Every structure is written in structure tokens, then in C-alpha cells.
């Protein structure tokens, strides 16, 4: 999933159907710009040297006011070039904006600071990881729960703003199995740089199995390592592991301790308290913190919930 291990100097490996066209347009504009820049630089240097002031050439022979052929050339050619680039870009824009009729729809919800995915045909939900089948067009229907976000997958060459109270759409078709980064590219607060996710592209058989339940070979037993992975993907923007205060309470050493709330009540931090804090975070607000956490109710499997609890238990 490392962006620099595949691809080239400019881009990571392109694995969607329209990545090649998008890259080709970029390189065309880049080459045209380099030719124009080097041409202007060469002409400028030529004029500086040829028409420099010398003891034998103190005053210019004549003052040139215009040149019809030259002015027409440098107006018509760039205009045609820009129109061609516009046509190419607009054609690709229509391609990326109009998904195929048979595209599988997945709902995406951005919120501070994570991505949630909902698969309406199966009722499956996932967080931070978008699982899709290879060689199948996928239509993303996206919205935000709070502020502006922007959904960006570099390997797919797709990026679209995610806006509160409305839906934006984009589609792609992955051509290669693997794990690919998701970034938020719209500054959305303190945890913006940690609003990460991944697209996991799998075979159609594996995707069908995943929709039905656990993927093949995946244990359903909660583990500390799974909990740590979930923390890194979804919780690290708000909760620290070293005792430092962030947007939410630190997880370090909280299991088994007495938690005091703004209501004046207190409770021991056991498994039930942790589960309630994840599914209904505003039920008990820890003293010194504001009710800012969104509910994760229905978004975590029993394995994932248990893994987070086990990970918190391990933090002494």
C-alpha cells in the first residue's frame, strides 16, 4: 500500500479504467508547457545576446511596433491547443461523472475523522476500509455528517468533495487486486491528516464471501492486533495512547479505573462501559471533555468491538 513502491516520479501506479487517460492528459500538458518554457527561454537568451547594447551599437536601428504573421501565429496556435486540452479534459470529466448503469452502489459517509461505508444490497457496513471487487464498476454516493471533506484515492485518479446535507457521486473500476490509500484532501480540523482509509480490491468470489460474513481465513476471535489496527485507522485522531489530552480522553491505563463524568456520576471502566462509550458516546461524558464523538453503533462487528476492548485492556 506504499504509494512510492510502484508507479513513477509523478504518480503512483494507476489501476482504474480511466487512470491511463488522466495520466496521458497530464503528460501532454507537461510536455507542452516544457516546450513553451524552453522555447521562450531560448528566444529570450537569443535576443539578450544579439541585441545587447555595445559601444558599436548604442542606439537601435528601428523600433518594431507589430508583426501581423507573428502575432496571428502566437494567438491562433495556443488557442487551438487550449481548446484541444479542454476537449480532452471535458471528455474525461464526462466519463468519470457518468457511471455505468450496472455499477454497484456503495454509500460513503465522511465525518471527523474517518470514512464509513454502507453496502445497501447486503446491509454490510465497514469503517476506514472500502472493500470492492476487481473489474466491477463501483458507484460511490457520498455525504458528510459534519464539515467539508474530500475523498481521494491516488491510484484510482479519483477525487470528489464530500458535502454535508447533499450527495456527491463518483465511480471507478479497479483493474488490479490490492490495498490502496484513501485520503481526505479538504482541511477538516485537527485530525485532518489522520483521516485515512484504504480501498481493498479483491476477487468477486472473495467479495461475495466478505459480504456474507467473515472473509476466508479470517478468525472471528477478537485480538489486540486487530484492535490496534482499528485504533490507528479510526481513533488515533481523537484519543492518545500516552496519557496526553486530545479531543477525547487518552486510552492509556483507563481499563479498570474510576471514570468521573460531567453529571457528577462515576463508574468503573469495564467492558460494558467501553462498549457503551463506543456505541452511545454521549451517554456519559468524561469530566473535562465536550460531547463531540459520533456514534459507532452498528458500524462495528462483534469481533471488531471485542478487539478494541482487548486493545484498551492491554494499555497499561
Protein backbone atom coordinates (compact mmCIF):
# COMPACT_ATOMS: atom_id res chain seq x y z
CA UNK A 1 0.00 0.00 0.00
CA UNK A 2 3.06 2.24 -0.18
CA UNK A 3 2.49 4.98 -2.74
CA UNK A 4 6.17 5.18 -3.73
CA UNK A 5 6.84 1.48 -4.33
CA UNK A 6 5.01 1.41 -7.64
CA UNK A 7 4.32 3.95 -10.36
CA UNK A 8 6.74 6.68 -11.37
CA UNK A 9 8.12 10.06 -10.30
CA UNK A 10 4.79 11.81 -10.87
CA UNK A 11 2.10 9.29 -9.90
CA UNK A 12 1.59 6.04 -8.03
CA UNK A 13 0.51 3.09 -10.12
CA UNK A 14 -2.79 3.76 -11.88
CA UNK A 15 -5.17 0.82 -11.52
CA UNK A 16 -8.58 2.21 -12.58
CA UNK A 17 -10.03 2.16 -16.07
CA UNK A 18 -9.56 5.88 -16.68
CA UNK A 19 -6.20 6.34 -14.93
CA UNK A 20 -4.31 5.93 -18.21
CA UNK A 21 -6.29 8.68 -19.95
CA UNK A 22 -5.91 11.06 -16.99
CA UNK A 23 -2.15 10.44 -16.87
CA UNK A 24 -1.82 10.91 -20.63
CA UNK A 25 -3.51 14.32 -20.43
CA UNK A 26 -1.20 15.33 -17.59
CA UNK A 27 1.91 14.33 -19.56
CA UNK A 28 0.64 16.09 -22.68
CA UNK A 29 0.16 19.34 -20.74
CA UNK A 30 3.54 18.86 -19.04
CA UNK A 31 5.41 18.35 -22.33
CA UNK A 32 3.64 21.30 -24.00
CA UNK A 33 4.49 23.51 -21.02
CA UNK A 34 8.15 22.43 -21.07
CA UNK A 35 8.42 23.07 -24.81
CA UNK A 36 6.84 26.51 -24.39
CA UNK A 37 9.05 27.39 -21.42
CA UNK A 38 12.29 26.25 -23.09
CA UNK A 39 11.30 27.95 -26.36
CA UNK A 40 10.62 31.28 -24.65
CA UNK A 41 13.83 30.94 -22.64
CA UNK A 42 15.86 30.25 -25.81
CA UNK A 43 14.32 33.20 -27.67
CA UNK A 44 14.88 35.49 -24.69
CA UNK A 45 18.55 34.49 -24.41
CA UNK A 46 18.98 34.95 -28.16
CA UNK A 47 17.54 38.48 -28.03
CA UNK A 48 19.57 39.38 -24.94
CA UNK A 49 22.80 38.36 -26.67
CA UNK A 50 22.10 39.55 -30.24
CA UNK A 51 20.56 42.91 -29.36
CA UNK A 52 22.58 43.81 -26.30
CA UNK A 53 23.93 47.34 -26.07
CA UNK A 54 27.60 47.64 -27.11
CA UNK A 55 29.97 50.54 -27.84
CA UNK A 56 29.27 49.96 -31.54
CA UNK A 57 25.53 49.55 -31.07
CA UNK A 58 24.35 52.26 -28.66
CA UNK A 59 21.02 53.02 -30.34
CA UNK A 60 18.61 50.55 -32.03
CA UNK A 61 18.27 50.83 -35.80
CA UNK A 62 14.49 50.90 -35.69
CA UNK A 63 11.51 50.41 -33.36
CA UNK A 64 9.29 47.43 -34.21
CA UNK A 65 5.63 48.11 -33.39
CA UNK A 66 3.98 44.91 -34.65
CA UNK A 67 4.28 41.85 -36.86
CA UNK A 68 0.99 40.53 -38.26
CA UNK A 69 2.16 36.99 -39.08
CA UNK A 70 3.91 36.51 -35.73
CA UNK A 71 1.00 37.92 -33.71
CA UNK A 72 -1.51 35.74 -35.57
CA UNK A 73 0.66 32.67 -35.05
CA UNK A 74 1.10 33.12 -31.30
CA UNK A 75 -2.64 33.76 -30.93
CA UNK A 76 -4.10 31.00 -33.10
CA UNK A 77 -1.82 28.11 -32.15
CA UNK A 78 -2.17 28.50 -28.32
CA UNK A 79 -5.93 28.96 -28.74
CA UNK A 80 -6.25 25.72 -30.70
CA UNK A 81 -4.01 23.95 -28.18
CA UNK A 82 -6.09 25.14 -25.21
CA UNK A 83 -9.33 24.12 -26.97
CA UNK A 84 -7.88 20.67 -27.62
CA UNK A 85 -6.89 20.30 -23.95
CA UNK A 86 -10.38 21.45 -22.92
CA UNK A 87 -11.99 18.84 -25.19
CA UNK A 88 -9.76 16.08 -23.83
CA UNK A 89 -10.38 17.09 -20.20
CA UNK A 90 -14.13 17.52 -20.69
CA UNK A 91 -14.39 14.10 -22.32
CA UNK A 92 -12.64 12.52 -19.32
CA UNK A 93 -14.79 14.57 -16.93
CA UNK A 94 -17.95 13.16 -18.51
CA UNK A 95 -16.51 9.65 -18.31
CA UNK A 96 -15.78 9.93 -14.60
CA UNK A 97 -19.10 11.69 -13.84
CA UNK A 98 -21.44 9.23 -15.57
CA UNK A 99 -21.24 5.75 -14.03
CA UNK A 100 -22.35 2.68 -16.00
CA UNK A 101 -25.92 1.52 -15.45
CA UNK A 102 -24.71 -1.75 -13.90
CA UNK A 103 -22.41 -0.08 -11.35
CA UNK A 104 -22.67 -1.39 -7.80
CA UNK A 105 -23.65 1.39 -5.39
CA UNK A 106 -21.87 1.97 -2.09
CA UNK A 107 -22.71 4.82 0.30
CA UNK A 108 -19.81 6.76 1.80
CA UNK A 109 -20.13 8.98 4.89
CA UNK A 110 -17.28 11.25 5.92
CA UNK A 111 -17.09 12.54 9.47
CA UNK A 112 -14.39 13.85 11.77
CA UNK A 113 -12.14 11.95 11.24
CA UNK A 114 -12.98 8.71 9.47
CA UNK A 115 -14.76 7.17 6.49
CA UNK A 116 -17.82 4.91 6.83
CA UNK A 117 -19.06 2.63 4.04
CA UNK A 118 -22.53 1.14 3.65
CA UNK A 119 -23.37 -1.63 1.16
CA UNK A 120 -27.15 -1.31 0.64
CA UNK A 121 -27.68 -4.61 -1.21
CA UNK A 122 -26.31 -6.71 1.64
CA UNK A 123 -26.67 -4.40 4.65
CA UNK A 124 -22.92 -4.76 5.30
CA UNK A 125 -21.09 -1.83 6.90
CA UNK A 126 -17.40 -1.09 7.24
CA UNK A 127 -15.21 1.67 8.58
CA UNK A 128 -11.95 3.02 7.16
CA UNK A 129 -11.74 0.18 4.62
CA UNK A 130 -13.74 0.12 1.39
CA UNK A 131 -13.90 -3.42 0.02
CA UNK A 132 -14.70 -3.75 -3.70
CA UNK A 133 -14.46 -6.49 -6.34
CA UNK A 134 -11.96 -6.23 -9.19
CA UNK A 135 -13.24 -5.49 -12.73
CA UNK A 136 -16.64 -4.33 -11.45
CA UNK A 137 -17.77 -0.68 -11.78
CA UNK A 138 -18.39 0.87 -8.36
CA UNK A 139 -20.53 3.98 -7.83
CA UNK A 140 -19.86 5.92 -4.62
CA UNK A 141 -22.70 8.04 -3.23
CA UNK A 142 -21.08 10.33 -0.68
CA UNK A 143 -22.12 12.77 2.03
CA UNK A 144 -20.72 14.26 5.24
CA UNK A 145 -22.05 14.29 8.81
CA UNK A 146 -20.28 17.48 9.83
CA UNK A 147 -17.90 19.58 7.70
CA UNK A 148 -16.49 19.53 4.19
CA UNK A 149 -14.29 16.54 3.37
CA UNK A 150 -12.81 15.34 0.09
CA UNK A 151 -12.49 11.69 -0.93
CA UNK A 152 -9.23 11.00 -2.80
CA UNK A 153 -7.73 7.71 -3.99
CA UNK A 154 -4.45 8.48 -5.82
CA UNK A 155 -4.14 5.07 -7.50
CA UNK A 156 -7.63 5.42 -8.99
CA UNK A 157 -7.16 9.08 -10.00
CA UNK A 158 -10.48 10.00 -8.38
CA UNK A 159 -11.20 12.90 -6.05
CA UNK A 160 -14.55 14.42 -5.12
CA UNK A 161 -15.69 16.78 -2.36
CA UNK A 162 -17.96 15.30 0.32
CA UNK A 163 -20.52 17.89 1.41
CA UNK A 164 -22.93 17.99 4.40
CA UNK A 165 -26.66 17.74 3.60
CA UNK A 166 -26.20 16.68 -0.01
CA UNK A 167 -24.87 13.79 -2.08
CA UNK A 168 -21.91 13.86 -4.44
CA UNK A 169 -21.08 10.95 -6.71
CA UNK A 170 -18.07 9.40 -8.38
CA UNK A 171 -17.28 5.98 -9.83
CA UNK A 172 -14.33 3.77 -10.66
CA UNK A 173 -13.49 0.28 -11.85
CA UNK A 174 -10.39 -1.27 -10.30
CA UNK A 175 -8.19 -3.34 -12.60
CA UNK A 176 -5.87 -4.93 -10.04
CA UNK A 177 -6.31 -6.56 -6.65
CA UNK A 178 -4.53 -4.95 -3.71
CA UNK A 179 -4.74 -2.35 -0.95
CA UNK A 180 -4.79 1.36 -1.87
CA UNK A 181 -4.75 4.55 0.19
CA UNK A 182 -7.73 6.85 0.81
CA UNK A 183 -7.02 10.45 1.84
CA UNK A 184 -9.12 13.45 2.82
CA UNK A 185 -7.90 16.44 0.80
CA UNK A 186 -10.15 19.11 2.31
CA UNK A 187 -8.87 20.54 5.61
CA UNK A 188 -11.46 19.46 8.18
CA UNK A 189 -9.94 20.18 11.58
CA UNK A 190 -7.33 18.87 13.99
CA UNK A 191 -7.45 15.27 12.79
CA UNK A 192 -7.44 16.03 9.06
CA UNK A 193 -4.04 14.45 8.39
CA UNK A 194 -5.14 11.27 10.18
CA UNK A 195 -8.39 10.87 8.24
CA UNK A 196 -7.03 7.90 6.35
CA UNK A 197 -8.58 4.80 4.90
CA UNK A 198 -7.97 2.10 2.34
CA UNK A 199 -9.62 0.51 -0.66
CA UNK A 200 -9.19 -3.26 -0.63
CA UNK A 201 -9.73 -4.70 -4.11
CA UNK A 202 -10.47 -8.43 -4.04
CA UNK A 203 -11.75 -11.11 -6.39
CA UNK A 204 -15.50 -11.32 -6.98
CA UNK A 205 -15.59 -14.63 -5.10
CA UNK A 206 -13.82 -13.15 -2.06
CA UNK A 207 -16.04 -10.06 -2.21
CA UNK A 208 -19.21 -12.19 -2.17
CA UNK A 209 -17.85 -14.13 0.82
CA UNK A 210 -16.97 -10.89 2.62
CA UNK A 211 -20.49 -9.53 2.15
CA UNK A 212 -21.90 -12.66 3.75
CA UNK A 213 -19.67 -12.53 6.79
CA UNK A 214 -16.03 -13.14 7.58
CA UNK A 215 -13.63 -13.44 4.66
CA UNK A 216 -11.97 -16.77 4.10
CA UNK A 217 -9.21 -17.44 6.61
CA UNK A 218 -10.18 -14.54 8.88
CA UNK A 219 -10.64 -15.51 12.50
CA UNK A 220 -13.69 -14.24 14.31
CA UNK A 221 -11.84 -14.11 17.64
CA UNK A 222 -11.07 -10.59 18.95
CA UNK A 223 -7.35 -9.76 19.07
CA UNK A 224 -5.17 -6.94 20.36
CA UNK A 225 -3.56 -6.56 16.94
CA UNK A 226 -6.94 -6.08 15.25
CA UNK A 227 -7.88 -3.53 17.91
CA UNK A 228 -4.63 -1.65 17.35
CA UNK A 229 -5.30 -1.56 13.60
CA UNK A 230 -8.81 -0.17 14.17
CA UNK A 231 -7.38 2.43 16.58
CA UNK A 232 -4.81 3.57 14.00
CA UNK A 233 -7.40 3.85 11.25
CA UNK A 234 -10.27 5.45 13.15
CA UNK A 235 -9.47 6.56 16.68
CA UNK A 236 -5.93 7.98 16.74
CA UNK A 237 -7.07 11.48 15.73
CA UNK A 238 -9.03 11.90 18.99
CA UNK A 239 -7.54 9.54 21.58
CA UNK A 240 -3.89 9.24 22.59
CA UNK A 241 -2.07 6.19 23.94
CA UNK A 242 0.47 8.04 26.08
CA UNK A 243 -1.84 9.82 28.53
CA UNK A 244 -1.80 13.17 26.72
CA UNK A 245 -5.08 15.05 26.37
CA UNK A 246 -6.55 15.27 22.89
CA UNK A 247 -10.11 15.84 21.67
CA UNK A 248 -11.16 12.77 23.65
CA UNK A 249 -9.72 11.06 26.75
CA UNK A 250 -6.50 9.11 26.45
CA UNK A 251 -6.84 5.33 26.37
CA UNK A 252 -3.72 4.73 28.42
CA UNK A 253 -4.48 2.76 31.57
CA UNK A 254 -8.21 3.56 31.62
CA UNK A 255 -9.46 -0.03 31.91
CA UNK A 256 -10.49 -0.79 35.47
CA UNK A 257 -10.17 2.81 36.67
CA UNK A 258 -12.91 5.06 38.03
CA UNK A 259 -14.31 7.42 35.37
CA UNK A 260 -15.89 10.67 36.56
CA UNK A 261 -18.47 12.42 34.40
CA UNK A 262 -19.75 15.96 33.98
CA UNK A 263 -23.04 14.83 35.52
CA UNK A 264 -21.23 14.11 38.80
CA UNK A 265 -21.68 10.35 38.49
CA UNK A 266 -18.84 7.87 38.19
CA UNK A 267 -18.40 4.29 37.04
CA UNK A 268 -15.64 1.69 36.68
CA UNK A 269 -14.25 1.42 33.16
CA UNK A 270 -15.09 -2.20 32.39
CA UNK A 271 -16.08 -3.92 29.13
CA UNK A 272 -19.66 -2.65 29.31
CA UNK A 273 -18.54 0.94 29.84
CA UNK A 274 -16.17 0.80 26.87
CA UNK A 275 -18.84 -0.70 24.64
CA UNK A 276 -21.38 1.94 25.68
CA UNK A 277 -18.82 4.71 25.09
CA UNK A 278 -18.33 3.45 21.53
CA UNK A 279 -21.97 2.87 20.64
CA UNK A 280 -23.50 5.77 22.63
CA UNK A 281 -20.60 8.15 23.38
CA UNK A 282 -22.80 10.99 24.69
CA UNK A 283 -24.45 8.87 27.39
CA UNK A 284 -21.59 9.52 29.82
CA UNK A 285 -19.29 12.49 29.13
CA UNK A 286 -15.97 12.36 30.96
CA UNK A 287 -15.26 15.44 33.05
CA UNK A 288 -13.15 17.96 31.17
CA UNK A 289 -14.32 16.95 27.68
CA UNK A 290 -17.08 18.04 25.30
CA UNK A 291 -19.63 15.69 23.65
CA UNK A 292 -18.06 15.57 20.17
CA UNK A 293 -17.75 11.87 19.34
CA UNK A 294 -20.09 10.34 16.76
CA UNK A 295 -21.83 7.05 17.49
CA UNK A 296 -20.30 3.86 16.11
CA UNK A 297 -23.47 1.87 16.75
CA UNK A 298 -24.00 -0.70 14.01
CA UNK A 299 -20.66 0.05 12.37
CA UNK A 300 -18.51 -2.48 14.20
CA UNK A 301 -18.79 -6.25 14.11
CA UNK A 302 -18.63 -8.21 17.36
CA UNK A 303 -15.06 -9.14 16.51
CA UNK A 304 -14.08 -5.52 15.95
CA UNK A 305 -15.80 -4.37 19.14
CA UNK A 306 -14.10 -7.09 21.15
CA UNK A 307 -10.74 -6.29 19.56
CA UNK A 308 -10.94 -2.63 20.59
CA UNK A 309 -11.79 -3.66 24.15
CA UNK A 310 -8.84 -6.08 24.23
CA UNK A 311 -6.52 -3.41 22.88
CA UNK A 312 -7.64 -0.93 25.56
CA UNK A 313 -7.10 -3.61 28.21
CA UNK A 314 -3.52 -4.02 27.01
CA UNK A 315 -2.68 -0.33 27.51
CA UNK A 316 -1.18 -0.20 31.00
